[in-house]
């Protein structure tokens, strides 16, 4: 990714829809590029004053001249290679609709087997950084839910599951519709979170199938569990379409932690839950250390072994931080992700919830180096305080 100097800083615009278009163009570029690379360039549009130009460049299969005219038609997959790789063909049509609604334009330059350049330009006004207070997702009565989440994207799964489990919820993951139906026949859940775009079906079809499965074991309609549509499609008519299809609620991508937790809480209030609520004391994600984790280890292993574990963690975590610093210096984002994942696992096993979440955020971020640099001082401080707490 490269952002020209003139285009850096902050801009006032519709971040959700801009992100949706970028995600679609980048995902397509990756899908259709077997060799070479994909890059994203952001610059000022020299042809239109006040417009910012986003370009996604790939070295993939390319598009023939005769197929370019059909490229932005809904439900169209042009070219044999594209048809084999699958998809609904809706992404570009929706992206074009979004860019037009933002008073911009979307263009494509491509030759068959020579790669493609998808670019969109929209008017944006310079702005200052805006800081907003994050609302707490917790209320006095925190429900602990048994949740099934159907999501094929591993990064989205990782992020959402981290948000939910760190809040005390139990999460069962299905990667496609068939897995979801199989799991749904075997277990009972409090709520279902369904991605709309799945590799073997769409969320609306899956909704109908799950409701049919659910009805075989229900006494009456009132016992149905809430089902939530999760999608990057954010136009009002699309959202209303999901609700008309039978979904109880809608959550937009990228998933916001507080919106997700608040939705689960508000949707389930007043319902009979699958998990024993009186035994569940969820750890607040803002709490530094869950002392119950090491206390449980202490009962099994004894004080001496737990002290050895703490000492081992103290030494290994210091080494990992040094290794991440080195990986950042050498510009190795994948290694930063791996090391953050390693530290996250160790932190979780020690009950260090705040450190676990911070490492998860680095691991899940599309730019792990930038995220780590942004969070480094906080991570080190959290690590030091967490170690001090478990040693006391």
Protein backbone atom coordinates (compact mmCIF):
# COMPACT_ATOMS: atom_id res chain seq x y z
CA UNK A 1 0.00 0.00 0.00
CA UNK A 2 1.20 3.48 -0.80
CA UNK A 3 -0.44 6.77 0.13
CA UNK A 4 0.89 9.93 -1.54
CA UNK A 5 2.00 12.67 0.79
CA UNK A 6 -0.76 15.00 -0.43
CA UNK A 7 -3.44 12.39 0.38
CA UNK A 8 -2.32 11.58 3.90
CA UNK A 9 -4.01 12.76 7.06
CA UNK A 10 -7.73 12.80 7.75
CA UNK A 11 -10.68 13.18 5.40
CA UNK A 12 -14.37 13.67 6.03
CA UNK A 13 -16.42 11.00 4.27
CA UNK A 14 -18.49 7.83 4.57
CA UNK A 15 -15.91 5.46 6.04
CA UNK A 16 -18.22 2.42 6.03
CA UNK A 17 -19.04 2.59 2.33
CA UNK A 18 -15.49 3.52 1.27
CA UNK A 19 -14.23 0.51 3.24
CA UNK A 20 -16.84 -1.71 1.60
CA UNK A 21 -15.70 -0.72 -1.90
CA UNK A 22 -12.01 -1.12 -1.03
CA UNK A 23 -12.62 -4.52 0.57
CA UNK A 24 -14.45 -5.71 -2.52
CA UNK A 25 -11.84 -4.50 -5.01
CA UNK A 26 -8.93 -5.86 -2.95
CA UNK A 27 -10.68 -9.22 -2.39
CA UNK A 28 -11.32 -9.55 -6.13
CA UNK A 29 -7.71 -8.66 -6.92
CA UNK A 30 -6.40 -11.31 -4.54
CA UNK A 31 -8.88 -13.91 -5.79
CA UNK A 32 -7.88 -13.47 -9.43
CA UNK A 33 -4.11 -13.07 -8.92
CA UNK A 34 -2.17 -16.33 -8.73
CA UNK A 35 1.26 -14.81 -9.43
CA UNK A 36 2.78 -11.40 -8.86
CA UNK A 37 1.09 -9.07 -6.41
CA UNK A 38 -1.67 -6.69 -5.45
CA UNK A 39 -1.09 -3.08 -4.44
CA UNK A 40 -3.28 -0.20 -3.28
CA UNK A 41 -2.37 3.38 -4.14
CA UNK A 42 -4.10 6.47 -2.75
CA UNK A 43 -3.48 9.92 -4.23
CA UNK A 44 -5.19 13.17 -5.11
CA UNK A 45 -7.10 12.98 -8.39
CA UNK A 46 -5.31 15.30 -10.81
CA UNK A 47 -8.36 15.37 -13.09
CA UNK A 48 -10.80 16.54 -10.41
CA UNK A 49 -9.92 19.03 -7.70
CA UNK A 50 -10.98 17.92 -4.22
CA UNK A 51 -11.29 14.26 -5.24
CA UNK A 52 -9.24 11.44 -3.68
CA UNK A 53 -8.26 8.60 -6.03
CA UNK A 54 -8.03 4.98 -4.81
CA UNK A 55 -6.37 2.47 -7.15
CA UNK A 56 -6.20 -1.33 -6.69
CA UNK A 57 -3.58 -2.81 -9.03
CA UNK A 58 -3.04 -6.53 -9.64
CA UNK A 59 -1.05 -8.80 -11.93
CA UNK A 60 -3.87 -11.32 -12.29
CA UNK A 61 -5.93 -12.86 -15.09
CA UNK A 62 -7.12 -9.57 -16.54
CA UNK A 63 -10.29 -8.83 -18.48
CA UNK A 64 -10.91 -8.93 -22.21
CA UNK A 65 -12.31 -5.91 -24.08
CA UNK A 66 -15.64 -7.63 -24.79
CA UNK A 67 -16.11 -8.48 -21.11
CA UNK A 68 -15.47 -4.97 -19.78
CA UNK A 69 -18.92 -3.75 -20.80
CA UNK A 70 -20.59 -6.47 -18.67
CA UNK A 71 -18.29 -6.03 -15.70
CA UNK A 72 -20.61 -3.93 -13.55
CA UNK A 73 -23.80 -5.85 -14.33
CA UNK A 74 -25.34 -7.61 -11.34
CA UNK A 75 -24.95 -11.41 -11.11
CA UNK A 76 -22.33 -11.44 -13.86
CA UNK A 77 -19.04 -13.35 -13.71
CA UNK A 78 -17.01 -12.52 -16.81
CA UNK A 79 -14.37 -14.82 -18.22
CA UNK A 80 -13.90 -18.56 -17.67
CA UNK A 81 -11.30 -18.07 -14.94
CA UNK A 82 -13.65 -15.86 -12.97
CA UNK A 83 -16.54 -18.27 -13.32
CA UNK A 84 -14.38 -21.13 -11.98
CA UNK A 85 -13.40 -19.09 -8.94
CA UNK A 86 -17.02 -18.46 -8.07
CA UNK A 87 -18.88 -15.60 -6.45
CA UNK A 88 -22.24 -13.96 -7.01
CA UNK A 89 -21.07 -11.23 -9.36
CA UNK A 90 -22.78 -8.66 -7.15
CA UNK A 91 -19.66 -7.09 -5.65
CA UNK A 92 -18.67 -4.80 -8.52
CA UNK A 93 -22.25 -3.82 -9.26
CA UNK A 94 -22.75 -2.78 -5.64
CA UNK A 95 -19.37 -1.03 -5.51
CA UNK A 96 -20.25 0.97 -8.61
CA UNK A 97 -23.60 1.90 -7.07
CA UNK A 98 -21.89 3.03 -3.85
CA UNK A 99 -19.28 5.14 -5.63
CA UNK A 100 -21.97 6.81 -7.73
CA UNK A 101 -23.96 7.56 -4.57
CA UNK A 102 -20.83 9.18 -3.14
CA UNK A 103 -20.74 11.47 -6.23
CA UNK A 104 -17.68 9.74 -7.63
CA UNK A 105 -16.84 7.36 -10.44
CA UNK A 106 -15.36 3.85 -10.76
CA UNK A 107 -13.15 2.82 -13.68
CA UNK A 108 -11.28 -0.27 -14.84
CA UNK A 109 -8.19 -0.63 -17.00
CA UNK A 110 -7.24 -4.17 -17.97
CA UNK A 111 -5.91 -6.50 -20.61
CA UNK A 112 -6.43 -10.25 -20.71
CA UNK A 113 -3.61 -12.03 -18.85
CA UNK A 114 -1.96 -8.67 -18.14
CA UNK A 115 -3.59 -7.73 -14.83
CA UNK A 116 -6.10 -5.04 -13.92
CA UNK A 117 -6.35 -1.60 -12.35
CA UNK A 118 -9.64 -0.81 -10.61
CA UNK A 119 -9.86 2.80 -9.48
CA UNK A 120 -12.49 4.97 -7.89
CA UNK A 121 -12.41 8.68 -7.20
CA UNK A 122 -14.68 10.48 -4.74
CA UNK A 123 -14.89 14.04 -3.40
CA UNK A 124 -13.61 14.31 0.19
CA UNK A 125 -13.04 17.29 2.44
CA UNK A 126 -9.91 17.63 4.62
CA UNK A 127 -10.68 17.06 8.29
CA UNK A 128 -9.09 16.89 11.71
CA UNK A 129 -8.77 13.71 13.74
CA UNK A 130 -11.95 12.99 15.69
CA UNK A 131 -11.83 11.19 19.02
CA UNK A 132 -15.01 9.67 20.39
CA UNK A 133 -15.77 8.11 23.72
CA UNK A 134 -16.38 4.38 23.49
CA UNK A 135 -19.64 3.37 25.10
CA UNK A 136 -19.46 0.40 27.44
CA UNK A 137 -21.14 -2.73 26.18
CA UNK A 138 -21.75 -3.98 29.72
CA UNK A 139 -24.85 -3.52 31.78
CA UNK A 140 -25.53 -4.60 35.34
CA UNK A 141 -27.10 -7.86 34.14
CA UNK A 142 -24.63 -9.37 31.71
CA UNK A 143 -26.04 -12.35 29.88
CA UNK A 144 -23.69 -15.17 28.94
CA UNK A 145 -24.76 -16.71 25.67
CA UNK A 146 -24.11 -19.90 23.75
CA UNK A 147 -23.54 -18.52 20.24
CA UNK A 148 -23.18 -20.11 16.83
CA UNK A 149 -21.30 -17.93 14.35
CA UNK A 150 -21.23 -18.81 10.65
CA UNK A 151 -18.34 -17.03 8.92
CA UNK A 152 -15.93 -18.25 6.24
CA UNK A 153 -13.36 -15.43 6.55
CA UNK A 154 -10.66 -16.48 9.09
CA UNK A 155 -9.78 -12.90 10.09
CA UNK A 156 -13.42 -11.98 10.71
CA UNK A 157 -13.84 -15.19 12.73
CA UNK A 158 -10.76 -14.45 14.81
CA UNK A 159 -11.81 -10.89 15.62
CA UNK A 160 -15.47 -11.60 16.41
CA UNK A 161 -14.72 -14.72 18.42
CA UNK A 162 -12.14 -12.78 20.43
CA UNK A 163 -14.64 -10.03 21.22
CA UNK A 164 -17.28 -12.53 22.32
CA UNK A 165 -15.18 -15.01 24.30
CA UNK A 166 -13.36 -12.28 26.18
CA UNK A 167 -16.78 -11.07 27.27
CA UNK A 168 -17.60 -14.52 28.66
CA UNK A 169 -19.70 -15.92 25.80
CA UNK A 170 -19.27 -19.43 24.43
CA UNK A 171 -18.82 -19.41 20.65
CA UNK A 172 -19.14 -22.32 18.20
CA UNK A 173 -17.82 -21.59 14.70
CA UNK A 174 -19.08 -22.91 11.38
CA UNK A 175 -17.21 -22.01 8.18
CA UNK A 176 -20.04 -22.70 5.74
CA UNK A 177 -23.71 -23.55 5.51
CA UNK A 178 -23.33 -27.33 5.62
CA UNK A 179 -21.24 -27.17 8.80
CA UNK A 180 -23.76 -24.79 10.35
CA UNK A 181 -26.69 -27.12 9.66
CA UNK A 182 -24.81 -30.11 11.03
CA UNK A 183 -23.87 -28.28 14.23
CA UNK A 184 -27.35 -26.81 14.60
CA UNK A 185 -28.88 -30.30 14.62
CA UNK A 186 -26.60 -31.37 17.47
CA UNK A 187 -26.56 -28.35 19.83
CA UNK A 188 -28.87 -25.70 21.21
CA UNK A 189 -27.91 -22.04 21.03
CA UNK A 190 -29.11 -18.72 22.38
CA UNK A 191 -28.39 -16.73 19.21
CA UNK A 192 -27.08 -17.28 15.68
CA UNK A 193 -24.79 -14.85 13.82
CA UNK A 194 -24.91 -15.58 10.08
CA UNK A 195 -22.65 -14.10 7.42
CA UNK A 196 -24.65 -13.33 4.30
CA UNK A 197 -21.94 -14.33 1.79
CA UNK A 198 -20.86 -17.94 2.33
CA UNK A 199 -18.97 -20.25 -0.05
CA UNK A 200 -21.76 -22.82 -0.40
CA UNK A 201 -24.90 -20.70 0.09
CA UNK A 202 -26.10 -17.26 1.10
CA UNK A 203 -27.24 -16.27 4.57
CA UNK A 204 -30.90 -15.92 3.60
CA UNK A 205 -30.99 -19.53 2.34
CA UNK A 206 -29.19 -20.72 5.46
CA UNK A 207 -31.65 -18.80 7.65
CA UNK A 208 -34.57 -20.75 6.17
CA UNK A 209 -32.76 -24.07 6.60
CA UNK A 210 -31.85 -23.38 10.24
CA UNK A 211 -35.39 -22.30 11.05
CA UNK A 212 -36.70 -25.53 9.52
CA UNK A 213 -34.26 -27.56 11.63
CA UNK A 214 -35.17 -25.55 14.72
CA UNK A 215 -38.92 -26.09 14.31
CA UNK A 216 -38.54 -29.88 14.52
CA UNK A 217 -37.64 -29.57 18.19
CA UNK A 218 -39.77 -26.59 19.25
CA UNK A 219 -43.12 -26.60 20.97
CA UNK A 220 -44.14 -23.18 19.66
CA UNK A 221 -42.85 -20.27 17.55
CA UNK A 222 -41.96 -18.16 20.60
CA UNK A 223 -39.04 -20.44 21.44
CA UNK A 224 -37.16 -19.59 18.25
CA UNK A 225 -33.71 -18.16 18.83
CA UNK A 226 -32.80 -14.75 17.35
CA UNK A 227 -30.82 -14.86 14.12
CA UNK A 228 -28.62 -11.94 13.06
CA UNK A 229 -27.48 -11.11 9.53
CA UNK A 230 -23.85 -9.96 9.23
CA UNK A 231 -22.86 -8.26 5.99
CA UNK A 232 -20.81 -5.48 4.43
CA UNK A 233 -23.84 -4.54 2.31
CA UNK A 234 -25.09 -1.44 4.05
CA UNK A 235 -27.70 0.15 1.78
CA UNK A 236 -31.03 0.61 3.57
CA UNK A 237 -32.91 -1.48 1.01
CA UNK A 238 -30.45 -4.36 1.46
CA UNK A 239 -30.71 -4.26 5.25
CA UNK A 240 -34.50 -4.14 5.02
CA UNK A 241 -34.34 -7.13 2.68
CA UNK A 242 -32.53 -9.18 5.34
CA UNK A 243 -35.13 -8.24 7.96
CA UNK A 244 -37.98 -9.02 5.57
CA UNK A 245 -36.43 -12.43 4.96
CA UNK A 246 -36.81 -13.26 8.65
CA UNK A 247 -33.63 -12.06 10.36
CA UNK A 248 -34.18 -10.55 13.79
CA UNK A 249 -31.35 -8.01 13.53
CA UNK A 250 -28.52 -6.82 11.32
CA UNK A 251 -24.84 -6.07 12.03
CA UNK A 252 -22.56 -4.36 9.53
CA UNK A 253 -18.97 -5.22 8.64
CA UNK A 254 -16.31 -4.49 9.66
CA UNK A 255 -17.60 -5.66 13.03
CA UNK A 256 -17.47 -3.11 15.83
CA UNK A 257 -16.86 -4.67 19.26
CA UNK A 258 -19.33 -2.55 21.21
CA UNK A 259 -22.07 -2.87 18.59
CA UNK A 260 -21.64 -6.65 18.56
CA UNK A 261 -21.71 -7.02 22.34
CA UNK A 262 -24.59 -4.59 22.76
CA UNK A 263 -26.61 -6.39 20.08
CA UNK A 264 -26.16 -9.77 21.77
CA UNK A 265 -27.05 -8.29 25.16
CA UNK A 266 -30.13 -6.36 24.03
CA UNK A 267 -31.46 -9.14 21.80
CA UNK A 268 -31.29 -11.79 24.53
CA UNK A 269 -32.52 -9.81 27.54
CA UNK A 270 -35.52 -11.46 29.14
CA UNK A 271 -34.96 -14.83 27.45
CA UNK A 272 -34.20 -18.17 29.09
CA UNK A 273 -30.51 -18.87 28.43
CA UNK A 274 -28.77 -22.15 27.59
CA UNK A 275 -25.84 -21.55 29.96
CA UNK A 276 -26.13 -21.39 33.78
CA UNK A 277 -25.95 -17.65 34.33
CA UNK A 278 -25.37 -17.81 38.07
CA UNK A 279 -22.13 -19.72 37.55
CA UNK A 280 -20.82 -17.38 34.88
CA UNK A 281 -18.89 -14.37 36.06
CA UNK A 282 -17.54 -13.02 32.79
CA UNK A 283 -14.23 -11.26 32.91
CA UNK A 284 -14.50 -7.62 31.93
CA UNK A 285 -12.23 -7.00 28.96
CA UNK A 286 -10.94 -3.97 30.84
CA UNK A 287 -9.82 -6.12 33.80
CA UNK A 288 -6.09 -6.69 33.73
CA UNK A 289 -5.89 -10.25 35.08
CA UNK A 290 -8.46 -12.93 35.85
CA UNK A 291 -7.06 -14.37 39.08
CA UNK A 292 -9.31 -17.43 38.81
CA UNK A 293 -7.15 -18.87 36.01
CA UNK A 294 -3.95 -19.19 38.06
CA UNK A 295 -5.90 -20.14 41.19
CA UNK A 296 -7.31 -23.12 39.31
CA UNK A 297 -3.79 -24.05 38.18
CA UNK A 298 -2.56 -23.66 41.74
CA UNK A 299 -5.08 -26.19 43.01
CA UNK A 300 -3.86 -28.77 40.52
CA UNK A 301 -0.14 -27.97 40.22
CA UNK A 302 0.68 -26.42 43.58
CA UNK A 303 2.34 -23.11 44.47
CA UNK A 304 5.84 -24.10 43.36
CA UNK A 305 4.84 -25.09 39.82
CA UNK A 306 2.69 -21.98 39.37
CA UNK A 307 5.63 -19.82 40.45
CA UNK A 308 7.75 -21.58 37.83
CA UNK A 309 5.06 -20.88 35.22
CA UNK A 310 5.02 -17.19 36.09
CA UNK A 311 8.82 -16.99 35.90
CA UNK A 312 8.82 -18.84 32.56
CA UNK A 313 6.18 -16.48 31.17
CA UNK A 314 8.09 -13.43 32.37
CA UNK A 315 11.24 -14.53 30.53
CA UNK A 316 9.52 -15.77 27.36
CA UNK A 317 7.27 -12.71 27.01
CA UNK A 318 10.27 -10.41 27.21
CA UNK A 319 11.94 -12.43 24.47
CA UNK A 320 8.83 -12.28 22.28
CA UNK A 321 8.59 -8.49 22.62
CA UNK A 322 12.23 -8.21 21.50
CA UNK A 323 11.50 -10.55 18.57
CA UNK A 324 8.48 -8.48 17.52
CA UNK A 325 10.58 -5.31 17.68
CA UNK A 326 13.15 -6.98 15.42
CA UNK A 327 10.44 -8.21 13.00
CA UNK A 328 9.06 -4.67 12.80
CA UNK A 329 12.50 -3.29 12.04
CA UNK A 330 12.95 -5.87 9.28
CA UNK A 331 9.44 -5.15 7.90
CA UNK A 332 8.12 -8.70 8.35
CA UNK A 333 4.35 -8.35 8.98
CA UNK A 334 3.65 -12.09 8.88
CA UNK A 335 6.23 -12.71 11.58
CA UNK A 336 4.72 -9.92 13.68
CA UNK A 337 1.34 -11.69 13.40
CA UNK A 338 2.87 -15.05 14.39
CA UNK A 339 4.64 -13.61 17.42
CA UNK A 340 1.57 -11.65 18.52
CA UNK A 341 -0.41 -14.90 18.25
CA UNK A 342 2.20 -16.67 20.40
CA UNK A 343 2.15 -13.99 23.10
CA UNK A 344 -1.66 -13.90 22.96
CA UNK A 345 -1.85 -17.63 23.70
CA UNK A 346 0.55 -17.39 26.61
CA UNK A 347 -1.30 -14.38 28.02
CA UNK A 348 -4.61 -16.21 27.80
CA UNK A 349 -3.24 -19.23 29.66
CA UNK A 350 -2.12 -16.89 32.46
CA UNK A 351 -5.49 -15.12 32.66
CA UNK A 352 -4.00 -11.85 31.37
CA UNK A 353 -7.10 -10.64 29.57
CA UNK A 354 -6.05 -7.11 28.64
CA UNK A 355 -2.77 -8.34 27.13
CA UNK A 356 -4.63 -11.13 25.33
CA UNK A 357 -6.96 -8.60 23.67
CA UNK A 358 -4.11 -6.23 22.69
CA UNK A 359 -2.19 -9.08 21.04
CA UNK A 360 -5.38 -10.22 19.28
CA UNK A 361 -5.83 -6.75 17.81
CA UNK A 362 -2.27 -6.79 16.41
CA UNK A 363 -2.70 -10.31 15.04
CA UNK A 364 -6.04 -9.54 13.37
CA UNK A 365 -5.08 -6.16 11.90
CA UNK A 366 -4.44 -5.89 8.16
CA UNK A 367 -1.34 -3.81 8.94
CA UNK A 368 0.13 -5.61 11.98
CA UNK A 369 3.33 -3.55 11.98
CA UNK A 370 1.43 -0.25 12.13
CA UNK A 371 -0.93 -1.64 14.77
CA UNK A 372 1.95 -2.87 16.91
CA UNK A 373 3.80 0.43 16.68
CA UNK A 374 0.60 2.19 17.67
CA UNK A 375 0.04 -0.13 20.65
CA UNK A 376 3.62 -0.99 21.68
CA UNK A 377 3.94 1.25 24.73
CA UNK A 378 0.54 0.13 25.99
CA UNK A 379 1.37 -3.55 25.39
CA UNK A 380 4.64 -3.29 27.31
CA UNK A 381 2.97 -1.41 30.17
CA UNK A 382 0.13 -3.95 30.30
CA UNK A 383 2.65 -6.80 30.28
CA UNK A 384 4.62 -5.31 33.17
CA UNK A 385 1.51 -4.61 35.27
CA UNK A 386 0.08 -8.08 34.53
CA UNK A 387 3.29 -9.82 35.61
CA UNK A 388 3.45 -7.69 38.76
CA UNK A 389 -0.16 -8.63 39.58
CA UNK A 390 0.28 -12.40 39.19
CA UNK A 391 3.52 -12.32 41.21
CA UNK A 392 1.91 -10.47 44.13
